[in-house]
Amino acid sequence: MRQDAERNRRRILDAAREVYAEQGVEAPLDVIARRAGVGNATLYRRFPDRAALIEAVFHDLLAATREAGERARESEDPWTGLVAYVMHIFTGLAEDRGVTDLMTTTIPDIPSLEDLHAHNAETFGHLLARCRERGAVGDDVTVEDLLFVLAALGRAVPAAEAASPGAWLRPLTLFLNGLRSPAASLPGTPLAPHQLQQALSRLHSP
């Protein structure tokens, strides 16, 4: 029975990974169960809710993204590190619709995702501070500015990739080049951290 249970668990995870990549993390659980060749009851015995399944499917990928952030922090040139980290994230968005949902929105009750979002903000904060010291970005660019624009651009990556592979590189490069421009003062007031979370939560609409 233990072997059967483990086999079913692996089938569910493999099916969920495929379905999430195609449809995003709001894909119906019964679609995943059917693709795995198990009943809904079996899926719920292994994973009591959607958050538990997402955590299991994406845990290793989120850990790898965190490691990429650590490497970016250690870059000798902070601008090179920042660009490399952004490109790492966006390449993942282009490959997997589920990754797009996780990286560009706030979804509750997924511990490894919550940890990564916090680490992500710290990583960009660290890199922006070092870039500002070298005059590589404007003094008034905040972490929230960067995270909000990257999330908004990131939501469009799957559609751009489907239309023409790699098409998302143009608007992303346009934005990154804009960060390096001698900054005229940005209009308005930057989002506070709690306002950014509210905005990202609204991007995640089932």
C-alpha atoms as a PDB file:
ATOM      1  CA  MET A   1       0.000   0.000   0.000  1.00  0.00           C
ATOM      2  CA  ARG A   2       2.863   2.388   0.736  1.00  0.00           C
ATOM      3  CA  GLN A   3       4.262   1.792  -2.749  1.00  0.00           C
ATOM      4  CA  ASP A   4       0.834   2.450  -4.284  1.00  0.00           C
ATOM      5  CA  ALA A   5       0.471   5.631  -2.265  1.00  0.00           C
ATOM      6  CA  GLU A   6       3.872   6.922  -3.328  1.00  0.00           C
ATOM      7  CA  ARG A   7       3.168   6.047  -6.954  1.00  0.00           C
ATOM      8  CA  ASN A   8      -0.117   7.948  -6.845  1.00  0.00           C
ATOM      9  CA  ARG A   9       1.575  10.915  -5.197  1.00  0.00           C
ATOM     10  CA  ARG A  10       4.203  11.041  -7.940  1.00  0.00           C
ATOM     11  CA  ARG A  11       1.527  10.794 -10.652  1.00  0.00           C
ATOM     12  CA  ILE A  12      -0.384  13.690  -9.084  1.00  0.00           C
ATOM     13  CA  LEU A  13       2.731  15.862  -8.844  1.00  0.00           C
ATOM     14  CA  ASP A  14       3.764  15.127 -12.433  1.00  0.00           C
ATOM     15  CA  ALA A  15       0.257  15.843 -13.716  1.00  0.00           C
ATOM     16  CA  ALA A  16      -0.031  19.024 -11.654  1.00  0.00           C
ATOM     17  CA  ARG A  17       3.299  20.277 -12.967  1.00  0.00           C
ATOM     18  CA  GLU A  18       2.113  19.781 -16.554  1.00  0.00           C
ATOM     19  CA  VAL A  19      -1.329  21.309 -16.003  1.00  0.00           C
ATOM     20  CA  TYR A  20       0.010  24.310 -14.075  1.00  0.00           C
ATOM     21  CA  ALA A  21       2.579  24.968 -16.811  1.00  0.00           C
ATOM     22  CA  GLU A  22      -0.234  25.013 -19.388  1.00  0.00           C
ATOM     23  CA  GLN A  23      -3.073  26.687 -17.469  1.00  0.00           C
ATOM     24  CA  GLY A  24      -1.653  28.377 -14.364  1.00  0.00           C
ATOM     25  CA  VAL A  25      -2.164  27.512 -10.720  1.00  0.00           C
ATOM     26  CA  GLU A  26      -5.923  28.116 -10.802  1.00  0.00           C
ATOM     27  CA  ALA A  27      -6.411  25.067 -13.029  1.00  0.00           C
ATOM     28  CA  PRO A  28      -9.211  22.848 -11.624  1.00  0.00           C
ATOM     29  CA  LEU A  29      -7.974  20.078  -9.354  1.00  0.00           C
ATOM     30  CA  ASP A  30     -10.238  17.542 -11.055  1.00  0.00           C
ATOM     31  CA  VAL A  31      -8.345  18.189 -14.307  1.00  0.00           C
ATOM     32  CA  ILE A  32      -5.130  17.300 -12.493  1.00  0.00           C
ATOM     33  CA  ALA A  33      -6.702  14.184 -10.976  1.00  0.00           C
ATOM     34  CA  ARG A  34      -7.905  12.988 -14.385  1.00  0.00           C
ATOM     35  CA  ARG A  35      -4.529  13.522 -15.995  1.00  0.00           C
ATOM     36  CA  ALA A  36      -2.870  11.653 -13.121  1.00  0.00           C
ATOM     37  CA  GLY A  37      -5.314   8.763 -13.535  1.00  0.00           C
ATOM     38  CA  VAL A  38      -6.580   8.973  -9.963  1.00  0.00           C
ATOM     39  CA  GLY A  39      -9.847   9.941  -8.337  1.00  0.00           C
ATOM     40  CA  ASN A  40     -10.448  13.304  -6.661  1.00  0.00           C
ATOM     41  CA  ALA A  41     -10.573  11.583  -3.265  1.00  0.00           C
ATOM     42  CA  THR A  42      -7.076  10.198  -3.793  1.00  0.00           C
ATOM     43  CA  LEU A  43      -5.752  13.644  -4.705  1.00  0.00           C
ATOM     44  CA  TYR A  44      -7.285  15.223  -1.603  1.00  0.00           C
ATOM     45  CA  ARG A  45      -5.891  12.482   0.644  1.00  0.00           C
ATOM     46  CA  ARG A  46      -2.405  13.371  -0.542  1.00  0.00           C
ATOM     47  CA  PHE A  47      -2.907  17.136  -0.778  1.00  0.00           C
ATOM     48  CA  PRO A  48      -5.743  18.544   1.357  1.00  0.00           C
ATOM     49  CA  ASP A  49      -5.952  21.864  -0.517  1.00  0.00           C
ATOM     50  CA  ARG A  50      -4.640  23.743  -3.532  1.00  0.00           C
ATOM     51  CA  ALA A  51      -1.926  25.503  -1.526  1.00  0.00           C
ATOM     52  CA  ALA A  52      -0.451  22.190  -0.332  1.00  0.00           C
ATOM     53  CA  LEU A  53      -0.277  20.898  -3.896  1.00  0.00           C
ATOM     54  CA  ILE A  54       1.324  24.087  -5.219  1.00  0.00           C
ATOM     55  CA  GLU A  55       3.871  23.989  -2.385  1.00  0.00           C
ATOM     56  CA  ALA A  56       4.841  20.419  -3.289  1.00  0.00           C
ATOM     57  CA  VAL A  57       5.017  21.045  -7.042  1.00  0.00           C
ATOM     58  CA  PHE A  58       7.074  24.238  -6.952  1.00  0.00           C
ATOM     59  CA  HIS A  59       9.144  23.891  -3.770  1.00  0.00           C
ATOM     60  CA  ASP A  60      12.400  22.981  -5.540  1.00  0.00           C
ATOM     61  CA  LEU A  61      11.958  25.620  -8.248  1.00  0.00           C
ATOM     62  CA  LEU A  62      11.333  28.337  -5.667  1.00  0.00           C
ATOM     63  CA  ALA A  63      14.426  27.207  -3.753  1.00  0.00           C
ATOM     64  CA  ALA A  64      16.469  27.431  -6.965  1.00  0.00           C
ATOM     65  CA  THR A  65      15.199  30.971  -7.553  1.00  0.00           C
ATOM     66  CA  ARG A  66      16.264  31.919  -4.053  1.00  0.00           C
ATOM     67  CA  GLU A  67      19.730  30.538  -4.796  1.00  0.00           C
ATOM     68  CA  ALA A  68      19.856  32.647  -7.976  1.00  0.00           C
ATOM     69  CA  GLY A  69      19.067  35.676  -5.824  1.00  0.00           C
ATOM     70  CA  GLU A  70      21.958  34.828  -3.522  1.00  0.00           C
ATOM     71  CA  ARG A  71      24.309  34.621  -6.490  1.00  0.00           C
ATOM     72  CA  ALA A  72      23.056  37.985  -7.741  1.00  0.00           C
ATOM     73  CA  ARG A  73      23.782  39.585  -4.367  1.00  0.00           C
ATOM     74  CA  GLU A  74      27.360  38.344  -4.546  1.00  0.00           C
ATOM     75  CA  SER A  75      28.011  39.786  -8.012  1.00  0.00           C
ATOM     76  CA  GLU A  76      30.987  42.097  -8.151  1.00  0.00           C
ATOM     77  CA  ASP A  77      29.006  44.484 -10.347  1.00  0.00           C
ATOM     78  CA  PRO A  78      25.528  45.042  -8.853  1.00  0.00           C
ATOM     79  CA  TRP A  79      23.918  46.061 -12.153  1.00  0.00           C
ATOM     80  CA  THR A  80      25.135  42.863 -13.805  1.00  0.00           C
ATOM     81  CA  GLY A  81      23.789  40.888 -10.863  1.00  0.00           C
ATOM     82  CA  LEU A  82      20.416  42.628 -11.003  1.00  0.00           C
ATOM     83  CA  VAL A  83      19.994  42.041 -14.748  1.00  0.00           C
ATOM     84  CA  ALA A  84      21.086  38.406 -14.466  1.00  0.00           C
ATOM     85  CA  TYR A  85      18.568  37.778 -11.690  1.00  0.00           C
ATOM     86  CA  VAL A  86      15.720  39.442 -13.588  1.00  0.00           C
ATOM     87  CA  MET A  87      16.551  37.404 -16.692  1.00  0.00           C
ATOM     88  CA  HIS A  88      16.612  34.203 -14.620  1.00  0.00           C
ATOM     89  CA  ILE A  89      13.130  34.952 -13.307  1.00  0.00           C
ATOM     90  CA  PHE A  90      11.660  35.994 -16.651  1.00  0.00           C
ATOM     91  CA  THR A  91      13.037  32.953 -18.457  1.00  0.00           C
ATOM     92  CA  GLY A  92      11.105  30.841 -15.953  1.00  0.00           C
ATOM     93  CA  LEU A  93       7.955  32.872 -16.583  1.00  0.00           C
ATOM     94  CA  ALA A  94       8.239  32.218 -20.315  1.00  0.00           C
ATOM     95  CA  GLU A  95       8.547  28.467 -19.779  1.00  0.00           C
ATOM     96  CA  ASP A  96       5.782  27.880 -17.254  1.00  0.00           C
ATOM     97  CA  ARG A  97       2.439  29.628 -16.760  1.00  0.00           C
ATOM     98  CA  GLY A  98       2.322  28.384 -13.164  1.00  0.00           C
ATOM     99  CA  VAL A  99       5.632  30.075 -12.406  1.00  0.00           C
ATOM    100  CA  THR A 100       4.176  33.303 -13.799  1.00  0.00           C
ATOM    101  CA  ASP A 101       1.295  33.092 -11.333  1.00  0.00           C
ATOM    102  CA  LEU A 102       3.609  32.457  -8.391  1.00  0.00           C
ATOM    103  CA  MET A 103       6.247  35.077  -9.178  1.00  0.00           C
ATOM    104  CA  THR A 104       3.965  37.953 -10.178  1.00  0.00           C
ATOM    105  CA  THR A 105       1.191  37.736  -7.590  1.00  0.00           C
ATOM    106  CA  THR A 106       0.630  37.127  -3.898  1.00  0.00           C
ATOM    107  CA  ILE A 107      -0.968  33.746  -3.101  1.00  0.00           C
ATOM    108  CA  PRO A 108      -1.499  32.966   0.600  1.00  0.00           C
ATOM    109  CA  ASP A 109      -0.626  29.847   2.605  1.00  0.00           C
ATOM    110  CA  ILE A 110       2.369  28.708   0.555  1.00  0.00           C
ATOM    111  CA  PRO A 111       5.375  28.928   2.922  1.00  0.00           C
ATOM    112  CA  SER A 112       8.166  28.570   0.349  1.00  0.00           C
ATOM    113  CA  LEU A 113       6.518  31.226  -1.851  1.00  0.00           C
ATOM    114  CA  GLU A 114       6.125  33.649   1.040  1.00  0.00           C
ATOM    115  CA  ASP A 115       9.773  33.062   1.928  1.00  0.00           C
ATOM    116  CA  LEU A 116      10.861  33.686  -1.655  1.00  0.00           C
ATOM    117  CA  HIS A 117       8.864  36.911  -1.982  1.00  0.00           C
ATOM    118  CA  ALA A 118      10.520  38.245   1.179  1.00  0.00           C
ATOM    119  CA  HIS A 119      13.951  37.159  -0.039  1.00  0.00           C
ATOM    120  CA  ASN A 120      13.223  38.669  -3.455  1.00  0.00           C
ATOM    121  CA  ALA A 121      12.473  42.078  -1.940  1.00  0.00           C
ATOM    122  CA  GLU A 122      15.653  41.890   0.130  1.00  0.00           C
ATOM    123  CA  THR A 123      17.685  40.907  -2.936  1.00  0.00           C
ATOM    124  CA  PHE A 124      16.404  43.781  -5.050  1.00  0.00           C
ATOM    125  CA  GLY A 125      16.806  46.175  -2.132  1.00  0.00           C
ATOM    126  CA  HIS A 126      20.421  45.122  -1.699  1.00  0.00           C
ATOM    127  CA  LEU A 127      21.187  45.380  -5.417  1.00  0.00           C
ATOM    128  CA  LEU A 128      19.423  48.729  -5.847  1.00  0.00           C
ATOM    129  CA  ALA A 129      21.342  50.206  -2.919  1.00  0.00           C
ATOM    130  CA  ARG A 130      24.638  49.112  -4.449  1.00  0.00           C
ATOM    131  CA  CYS A 131      23.578  50.381  -7.877  1.00  0.00           C
ATOM    132  CA  ARG A 132      22.666  53.761  -6.403  1.00  0.00           C
ATOM    133  CA  GLU A 133      26.087  54.008  -4.772  1.00  0.00           C
ATOM    134  CA  ARG A 134      27.640  53.628  -8.228  1.00  0.00           C
ATOM    135  CA  GLY A 135      25.190  55.975  -9.933  1.00  0.00           C
ATOM    136  CA  ALA A 136      23.761  53.141 -12.017  1.00  0.00           C
ATOM    137  CA  VAL A 137      20.106  53.895 -11.162  1.00  0.00           C
ATOM    138  CA  GLY A 138      18.181  56.968 -10.082  1.00  0.00           C
ATOM    139  CA  ASP A 139      18.143  57.885  -6.397  1.00  0.00           C
ATOM    140  CA  ASP A 140      14.350  57.823  -6.178  1.00  0.00           C
ATOM    141  CA  VAL A 141      13.811  54.302  -7.586  1.00  0.00           C
ATOM    142  CA  THR A 142      12.418  52.085  -4.816  1.00  0.00           C
ATOM    143  CA  VAL A 143      12.179  48.334  -4.388  1.00  0.00           C
ATOM    144  CA  GLU A 144       8.402  48.639  -4.690  1.00  0.00           C
ATOM    145  CA  ASP A 145       8.772  50.504  -8.007  1.00  0.00           C
ATOM    146  CA  LEU A 146      10.924  47.692  -9.346  1.00  0.00           C
ATOM    147  CA  LEU A 147       8.773  44.826  -8.042  1.00  0.00           C
ATOM    148  CA  PHE A 148       5.520  46.346  -9.297  1.00  0.00           C
ATOM    149  CA  VAL A 149       6.758  46.980 -12.842  1.00  0.00           C
ATOM    150  CA  LEU A 150       8.408  43.557 -13.050  1.00  0.00           C
ATOM    151  CA  ALA A 151       5.183  41.904 -11.861  1.00  0.00           C
ATOM    152  CA  ALA A 152       3.084  43.825 -14.382  1.00  0.00           C
ATOM    153  CA  LEU A 153       5.489  42.979 -17.220  1.00  0.00           C
ATOM    154  CA  GLY A 154       5.758  39.408 -16.023  1.00  0.00           C
ATOM    155  CA  ARG A 155       2.020  38.821 -16.286  1.00  0.00           C
ATOM    156  CA  ALA A 156       2.290  39.497 -20.018  1.00  0.00           C
ATOM    157  CA  VAL A 157       5.207  37.140 -20.634  1.00  0.00           C
ATOM    158  CA  PRO A 158       3.193  33.960 -21.444  1.00  0.00           C
ATOM    159  CA  ALA A 159       1.085  35.818 -24.024  1.00  0.00           C
ATOM    160  CA  ALA A 160       4.160  37.425 -25.602  1.00  0.00           C
ATOM    161  CA  GLU A 161       6.017  34.102 -25.652  1.00  0.00           C
ATOM    162  CA  ALA A 162       3.059  32.379 -27.322  1.00  0.00           C
ATOM    163  CA  ALA A 163       2.850  35.105 -29.968  1.00  0.00           C
ATOM    164  CA  SER A 164       6.592  35.107 -30.704  1.00  0.00           C
ATOM    165  CA  PRO A 165       9.230  33.311 -28.627  1.00  0.00           C
ATOM    166  CA  GLY A 166      11.425  35.802 -26.817  1.00  0.00           C
ATOM    167  CA  ALA A 167       9.196  38.791 -27.636  1.00  0.00           C
ATOM    168  CA  TRP A 168       9.092  39.734 -23.938  1.00  0.00           C
ATOM    169  CA  LEU A 169      12.813  40.585 -24.059  1.00  0.00           C
ATOM    170  CA  ARG A 170      12.116  43.875 -25.858  1.00  0.00           C
ATOM    171  CA  PRO A 171       9.813  45.497 -23.258  1.00  0.00           C
ATOM    172  CA  LEU A 172      11.892  44.080 -20.409  1.00  0.00           C
ATOM    173  CA  THR A 173      15.082  45.529 -21.891  1.00  0.00           C
ATOM    174  CA  LEU A 174      13.293  48.828 -22.502  1.00  0.00           C
ATOM    175  CA  PHE A 175      12.394  48.973 -18.805  1.00  0.00           C
ATOM    176  CA  LEU A 176      15.882  48.010 -17.615  1.00  0.00           C
ATOM    177  CA  ASN A 177      17.458  50.605 -19.901  1.00  0.00           C
ATOM    178  CA  GLY A 178      15.064  53.176 -18.455  1.00  0.00           C
ATOM    179  CA  LEU A 179      16.365  52.443 -14.964  1.00  0.00           C
ATOM    180  CA  ARG A 180      19.831  53.437 -16.095  1.00  0.00           C
ATOM    181  CA  SER A 181      18.775  56.734 -17.644  1.00  0.00           C
ATOM    182  CA  PRO A 182      19.820  59.906 -15.817  1.00  0.00           C
ATOM    183  CA  ALA A 183      16.703  60.136 -13.745  1.00  0.00           C
ATOM    184  CA  ALA A 184      14.313  62.965 -13.941  1.00  0.00           C
ATOM    185  CA  SER A 185      12.288  62.818 -10.748  1.00  0.00           C
ATOM    186  CA  LEU A 186       9.565  60.210 -10.883  1.00  0.00           C
ATOM    187  CA  PRO A 187       6.023  61.562 -10.476  1.00  0.00           C
ATOM    188  CA  GLY A 188       3.811  60.705  -7.540  1.00  0.00           C
ATOM    189  CA  THR A 189       4.605  58.763  -4.383  1.00  0.00           C
ATOM    190  CA  PRO A 190       6.050  55.239  -4.499  1.00  0.00           C
ATOM    191  CA  LEU A 191       3.918  52.393  -3.206  1.00  0.00           C
ATOM    192  CA  ALA A 192       4.446  51.427   0.399  1.00  0.00           C
ATOM    193  CA  PRO A 193       5.202  47.719   1.009  1.00  0.00           C
ATOM    194  CA  HIS A 194       1.629  46.976   2.147  1.00  0.00           C
ATOM    195  CA  GLN A 195       0.229  48.789  -0.900  1.00  0.00           C
ATOM    196  CA  LEU A 196       2.429  46.692  -3.182  1.00  0.00           C
ATOM    197  CA  GLN A 197       1.059  43.520  -1.562  1.00  0.00           C
ATOM    198  CA  GLN A 198      -2.503  44.739  -2.110  1.00  0.00           C
ATOM    199  CA  ALA A 199      -1.744  45.463  -5.771  1.00  0.00           C
ATOM    200  CA  LEU A 200      -0.132  42.061  -6.328  1.00  0.00           C
ATOM    201  CA  SER A 201      -3.024  40.303  -4.619  1.00  0.00           C
ATOM    202  CA  ARG A 202      -5.421  41.938  -7.051  1.00  0.00           C
ATOM    203  CA  LEU A 203      -3.344  40.698  -9.983  1.00  0.00           C
ATOM    204  CA  HIS A 204      -4.176  37.153  -8.858  1.00  0.00           C
ATOM    205  CA  SER A 205      -7.767  36.808  -9.969  1.00  0.00           C
ATOM    206  CA  PRO A 206      -9.066  33.205 -10.132  1.00  0.00           C
END
